[in-house]
Amino acid sequence: MALAAASVLAAQSNPIQPTKTVKLFNGKNLKNWYTWLKEFKYEDPNKVFSVANKMIRISGQDWGGIATRESYRDYHLIVEWKWGGKTWAPRLDRARDSGILVHAVGEDGAYGGIWLESIESQIIEGGSGDFIMVGGKNKPKMTAKIQTIGREAYWVRDGSGTPVTKESGRFNWWGRDPEWKDAVNFRGKQDVEKAVGEWNRQEVICDGGKITNLLNGVVVNEGYDSSHTAGKIQIQSEGAEIFIRRVEIRPVTRARP
């Protein structure tokens, strides 16, 4: 185990900047990934992560994630995913939840013994496209132009919002329902996310300190001056079944050196 942990940490140095499309999921296995679970570390006795029919199935039973063995910078990430039907306690009756962590650094399980220190492009019913600062030894920090509704910060699409910097918490995507409830099958009035069982295309464009989230072709959130600009990519297991058929990165046009 010590050797495995050492090799994982070593992979974070010298991040790769793609010059062509790189398929991180080959449709056959998890060759480019390793597993981390809060209770089992680098083991997966309950087969939370499996591959069949050219899809990754993440059961959600145990909390953790799959992370890339390599680190990356300045890329356009594409993940195609859909919800399954299964949910698990303690989120049995709560909104289906997962997430894509980018610029993930530090020790495995840095946040709560579960996830890498990172910035999250959220996947959750009603809130896919939110940004979450996932802390570790350091606190990730990012700025977004937002408007405040109640106690929540919503990204403003036309750029007229007030710049706010966060090192914890969340920037909501612009259309997240102010009446959002943490309830399974929640649907907001302006949701871009498709219904359970239908495929979604989530894109995360990382260009220097700027991160842009798109969902099904719509820009839903954007932050800049990110403290983290390189790292691994981690996809969460967080109490809900989710299927993934595509994970790839492409070069970013005019990416910073």
Protein backbone atom coordinates (compact mmCIF):
# COMPACT_ATOMS: atom_id res chain seq x y z
CA MET A 1 0.00 0.00 0.00
CA ALA A 2 2.83 2.40 0.79
CA LEU A 3 4.26 1.92 -2.70
CA ALA A 4 0.85 2.48 -4.27
CA ALA A 5 0.37 5.71 -2.33
CA ALA A 6 3.85 6.93 -3.26
CA SER A 7 3.28 6.30 -6.97
CA VAL A 8 -0.05 8.12 -6.82
CA LEU A 9 1.51 11.20 -5.23
CA ALA A 10 4.37 11.19 -7.74
CA ALA A 11 1.90 11.32 -10.63
CA GLN A 12 0.87 14.85 -9.64
CA SER A 13 4.15 16.42 -10.77
CA ASN A 14 4.76 17.68 -14.32
CA PRO A 15 1.12 18.03 -15.46
CA ILE A 16 0.34 17.14 -19.06
CA GLN A 17 -1.03 19.80 -21.41
CA PRO A 18 -2.86 17.92 -24.19
CA THR A 19 -1.97 18.70 -27.79
CA LYS A 20 -4.64 16.39 -29.21
CA THR A 21 -7.75 14.59 -28.00
CA VAL A 22 -6.96 12.11 -25.24
CA LYS A 23 -9.54 9.47 -24.32
CA LEU A 24 -9.26 8.95 -20.59
CA PHE A 25 -11.85 6.16 -20.72
CA ASN A 26 -11.18 3.50 -23.34
CA GLY A 27 -14.58 1.79 -23.08
CA LYS A 28 -12.98 -1.40 -21.79
CA ASN A 29 -11.47 -0.86 -18.36
CA LEU A 30 -10.18 1.71 -15.87
CA LYS A 31 -6.61 1.58 -17.12
CA ASN A 32 -6.05 5.32 -16.74
CA TRP A 33 -7.64 5.51 -13.29
CA TYR A 34 -7.25 4.31 -9.73
CA THR A 35 -9.89 3.95 -7.02
CA TRP A 36 -10.07 5.59 -3.62
CA LEU A 37 -12.80 4.87 -1.10
CA LYS A 38 -13.10 6.28 2.40
CA GLU A 39 -13.47 2.88 4.01
CA PHE A 40 -11.30 0.76 1.72
CA LYS A 41 -8.64 3.16 0.35
CA TYR A 42 -7.21 1.62 -2.85
CA GLU A 43 -9.42 -1.48 -2.68
CA ASP A 44 -12.98 -1.86 -4.00
CA PRO A 45 -14.56 -4.97 -2.43
CA ASN A 46 -18.13 -3.89 -3.23
CA LYS A 47 -17.31 -3.20 -6.88
CA VAL A 48 -18.42 0.41 -6.68
CA PHE A 49 -16.56 1.04 -9.93
CA SER A 50 -17.05 -1.33 -12.84
CA VAL A 51 -17.05 -1.33 -16.64
CA ALA A 52 -19.65 -3.04 -18.83
CA ASN A 53 -21.25 -2.31 -22.20
CA LYS A 54 -18.62 0.42 -22.83
CA MET A 55 -19.75 2.35 -19.77
CA ILE A 56 -18.34 3.04 -16.33
CA ARG A 57 -20.86 2.25 -13.63
CA ILE A 58 -20.38 4.01 -10.32
CA SER A 59 -22.81 2.40 -7.90
CA GLY A 60 -22.60 5.11 -5.23
CA GLN A 61 -22.63 2.52 -2.44
CA ASP A 62 -19.34 3.64 -0.87
CA TRP A 63 -18.07 7.21 -0.80
CA GLY A 64 -14.94 8.01 -2.77
CA GLY A 65 -13.98 8.29 -6.41
CA ILE A 66 -11.87 7.28 -9.35
CA ALA A 67 -8.92 9.54 -10.12
CA THR A 68 -6.65 9.82 -13.13
CA ARG A 69 -3.16 8.48 -12.67
CA GLU A 70 -1.77 11.56 -14.42
CA SER A 71 -2.18 15.28 -13.79
CA TYR A 72 -3.31 17.73 -16.47
CA ARG A 73 -3.44 21.45 -17.20
CA ASP A 74 -5.07 23.68 -19.83
CA TYR A 75 -7.64 21.29 -21.25
CA HIS A 76 -11.22 20.95 -22.41
CA LEU A 77 -12.79 18.06 -20.53
CA ILE A 78 -15.89 16.26 -21.83
CA VAL A 79 -17.83 13.83 -19.63
CA GLU A 80 -21.04 12.16 -20.81
CA TRP A 81 -23.10 10.78 -17.95
CA LYS A 82 -26.59 9.71 -16.91
CA TRP A 83 -28.23 8.85 -13.61
CA GLY A 84 -29.13 5.29 -12.73
CA GLY A 85 -32.04 4.52 -10.45
CA LYS A 86 -30.25 3.33 -7.31
CA THR A 87 -29.55 5.56 -4.31
CA TRP A 88 -27.94 4.70 -0.98
CA ALA A 89 -28.19 5.83 2.63
CA PRO A 90 -27.57 8.40 3.95
CA ARG A 91 -28.75 9.96 0.66
CA LEU A 92 -31.46 7.42 -0.07
CA ASP A 93 -34.22 10.03 -0.49
CA ARG A 94 -31.98 12.97 -1.34
CA ALA A 95 -31.00 14.49 -4.67
CA ARG A 96 -28.80 12.20 -6.74
CA ASP A 97 -25.26 13.43 -6.24
CA SER A 98 -21.81 13.04 -7.81
CA GLY A 99 -19.23 15.44 -9.22
CA ILE A 100 -16.18 16.06 -11.38
CA LEU A 101 -13.16 17.30 -9.46
CA VAL A 102 -10.52 19.18 -11.45
CA HIS A 103 -7.06 20.45 -10.50
CA ALA A 104 -7.08 17.76 -7.82
CA VAL A 105 -3.88 17.74 -5.76
CA GLY A 106 -2.37 16.55 -2.51
CA GLU A 107 -2.99 13.33 -0.64
CA ASP A 108 -5.82 10.97 -1.47
CA GLY A 109 -8.70 11.55 0.91
CA ALA A 110 -7.47 15.06 1.77
CA TYR A 111 -11.08 16.25 2.17
CA GLY A 112 -12.86 14.30 4.90
CA GLY A 113 -10.87 11.18 4.12
CA ILE A 114 -12.80 10.96 0.85
CA TRP A 115 -11.69 13.29 -1.98
CA LEU A 116 -8.67 15.13 -3.27
CA GLU A 117 -8.18 18.85 -2.69
CA SER A 118 -9.73 20.35 -5.82
CA ILE A 119 -12.35 22.50 -7.47
CA GLU A 120 -15.56 20.65 -8.21
CA SER A 121 -17.79 20.91 -11.24
CA GLN A 122 -20.86 19.66 -9.44
CA ILE A 123 -23.20 16.92 -10.62
CA ILE A 124 -26.37 16.91 -8.53
CA GLU A 125 -30.05 16.97 -9.43
CA GLY A 126 -30.92 20.65 -9.91
CA GLY A 127 -27.37 21.87 -9.31
CA SER A 128 -25.20 20.34 -12.02
CA GLY A 129 -22.65 22.97 -13.04
CA ASP A 130 -22.22 24.53 -9.59
CA PHE A 131 -18.65 25.15 -8.43
CA ILE A 132 -17.57 23.83 -5.02
CA MET A 133 -14.25 24.52 -3.32
CA VAL A 134 -13.05 21.14 -2.00
CA GLY A 135 -10.42 21.86 0.62
CA GLY A 136 -7.44 19.86 1.77
CA LYS A 137 -4.09 20.93 3.17
CA ASN A 138 -4.67 24.16 1.27
CA LYS A 139 -7.93 25.95 0.53
CA PRO A 140 -8.73 26.21 -3.20
CA LYS A 141 -9.74 29.74 -4.09
CA MET A 142 -11.59 31.18 -7.09
CA THR A 143 -13.45 34.35 -8.09
CA ALA A 144 -16.77 34.63 -9.93
CA LYS A 145 -19.12 37.46 -10.87
CA ILE A 146 -22.27 36.75 -8.93
CA GLN A 147 -25.56 38.02 -7.62
CA THR A 148 -26.73 37.11 -4.14
CA ILE A 149 -30.19 35.70 -3.56
CA GLY A 150 -30.81 35.06 0.10
CA ARG A 151 -27.64 33.41 1.34
CA GLU A 152 -26.73 31.89 -2.04
CA ALA A 153 -24.29 33.12 -4.71
CA TYR A 154 -25.42 32.70 -8.36
CA TRP A 155 -23.16 33.26 -11.36
CA VAL A 156 -24.43 36.05 -13.64
CA ARG A 157 -24.26 35.17 -17.34
CA ASP A 158 -23.93 38.68 -18.76
CA GLY A 159 -20.90 39.56 -16.66
CA SER A 160 -22.72 42.25 -14.66
CA GLY A 161 -22.37 40.48 -11.32
CA THR A 162 -20.21 41.49 -8.38
CA PRO A 163 -16.79 39.81 -8.22
CA VAL A 164 -16.62 37.58 -5.15
CA THR A 165 -13.74 35.33 -4.13
CA LYS A 166 -14.41 32.12 -2.21
CA GLU A 167 -12.06 29.65 -0.59
CA SER A 168 -14.90 27.45 0.66
CA GLY A 169 -18.53 26.88 -0.20
CA ARG A 170 -20.20 27.10 -3.59
CA PHE A 171 -20.94 29.28 -6.61
CA ASN A 172 -24.36 28.24 -7.94
CA TRP A 173 -24.91 27.94 -11.67
CA TRP A 174 -27.05 30.79 -13.02
CA GLY A 175 -30.36 28.89 -13.23
CA ARG A 176 -30.29 26.89 -10.00
CA ASP A 177 -33.78 27.10 -8.50
CA PRO A 178 -33.85 29.31 -5.37
CA GLU A 179 -36.39 26.81 -4.03
CA TRP A 180 -33.98 23.89 -4.55
CA LYS A 181 -34.54 21.01 -2.16
CA ASP A 182 -32.21 18.14 -1.39
CA ALA A 183 -34.78 15.61 -2.56
CA VAL A 184 -34.51 12.74 -5.02
CA ASN A 185 -35.87 13.55 -8.51
CA PHE A 186 -35.77 17.31 -7.87
CA ARG A 187 -36.32 19.38 -11.01
CA GLY A 188 -35.90 23.16 -11.18
CA LYS A 189 -37.79 25.53 -13.47
CA GLN A 190 -34.70 26.39 -15.54
CA ASP A 191 -32.81 23.10 -15.30
CA VAL A 192 -30.53 22.31 -18.23
CA GLU A 193 -29.89 18.81 -16.92
CA LYS A 194 -31.89 16.05 -18.61
CA ALA A 195 -34.23 13.62 -16.89
CA VAL A 196 -32.99 10.56 -15.02
CA GLY A 197 -31.86 7.90 -17.49
CA GLU A 198 -31.04 10.38 -20.28
CA TRP A 199 -27.49 11.28 -21.28
CA ASN A 200 -25.94 14.60 -20.29
CA ARG A 201 -22.79 16.19 -21.69
CA GLN A 202 -20.82 18.11 -19.08
CA GLU A 203 -17.79 20.10 -20.19
CA VAL A 204 -15.17 21.75 -18.01
CA ILE A 205 -12.78 24.09 -19.80
CA CYS A 206 -9.65 24.76 -17.76
CA ASP A 207 -7.61 27.60 -19.25
CA GLY A 208 -4.97 28.87 -16.85
CA GLY A 209 -6.83 30.27 -13.84
CA LYS A 210 -10.17 30.33 -15.67
CA ILE A 211 -12.67 27.47 -15.39
CA THR A 212 -15.89 27.29 -17.43
CA ASN A 213 -18.71 24.79 -16.94
CA LEU A 214 -21.05 23.82 -19.78
CA LEU A 215 -24.00 21.46 -19.50
CA ASN A 216 -25.64 20.12 -22.63
CA GLY A 217 -24.08 22.89 -24.70
CA VAL A 218 -25.07 25.74 -22.36
CA VAL A 219 -22.51 27.80 -20.42
CA VAL A 220 -23.81 27.54 -16.86
CA ASN A 221 -20.94 28.81 -14.70
CA GLU A 222 -17.54 30.48 -14.92
CA GLY A 223 -14.81 31.34 -12.47
CA TYR A 224 -11.40 32.96 -12.76
CA ASP A 225 -8.20 33.59 -10.79
CA SER A 226 -8.27 30.01 -9.57
CA SER A 227 -5.55 29.20 -7.08
CA HIS A 228 -5.35 25.70 -8.61
CA THR A 229 -4.46 25.41 -12.29
CA ALA A 230 -3.32 21.80 -12.67
CA GLY A 231 -3.89 18.40 -11.14
CA LYS A 232 -5.71 15.12 -11.48
CA ILE A 233 -9.33 14.61 -12.47
CA GLN A 234 -11.52 12.72 -10.01
CA ILE A 235 -15.12 11.54 -10.45
CA GLN A 236 -17.12 11.00 -7.29
CA SER A 237 -19.14 8.17 -5.82
CA GLU A 238 -21.56 9.94 -3.50
CA GLY A 239 -24.62 7.86 -2.77
CA ALA A 240 -26.18 7.64 -6.25
CA GLU A 241 -25.75 5.33 -9.22
CA ILE A 242 -24.30 7.08 -12.25
CA PHE A 243 -23.15 5.80 -15.65
CA ILE A 244 -20.38 7.37 -17.74
CA ARG A 245 -19.77 6.57 -21.40
CA ARG A 246 -17.21 9.20 -22.37
CA VAL A 247 -14.32 10.95 -20.65
CA GLU A 248 -11.86 12.83 -22.83
CA ILE A 249 -9.72 15.94 -22.84
CA ARG A 250 -8.90 18.20 -25.76
CA PRO A 251 -6.51 21.11 -26.21
CA VAL A 252 -7.79 24.54 -25.24
CA THR A 253 -7.60 27.20 -27.92
CA ARG A 254 -5.17 29.94 -26.86
CA ALA A 255 -4.33 28.10 -23.66
CA ARG A 256 -1.84 29.99 -21.54
CA PRO A 257 1.76 28.69 -21.47
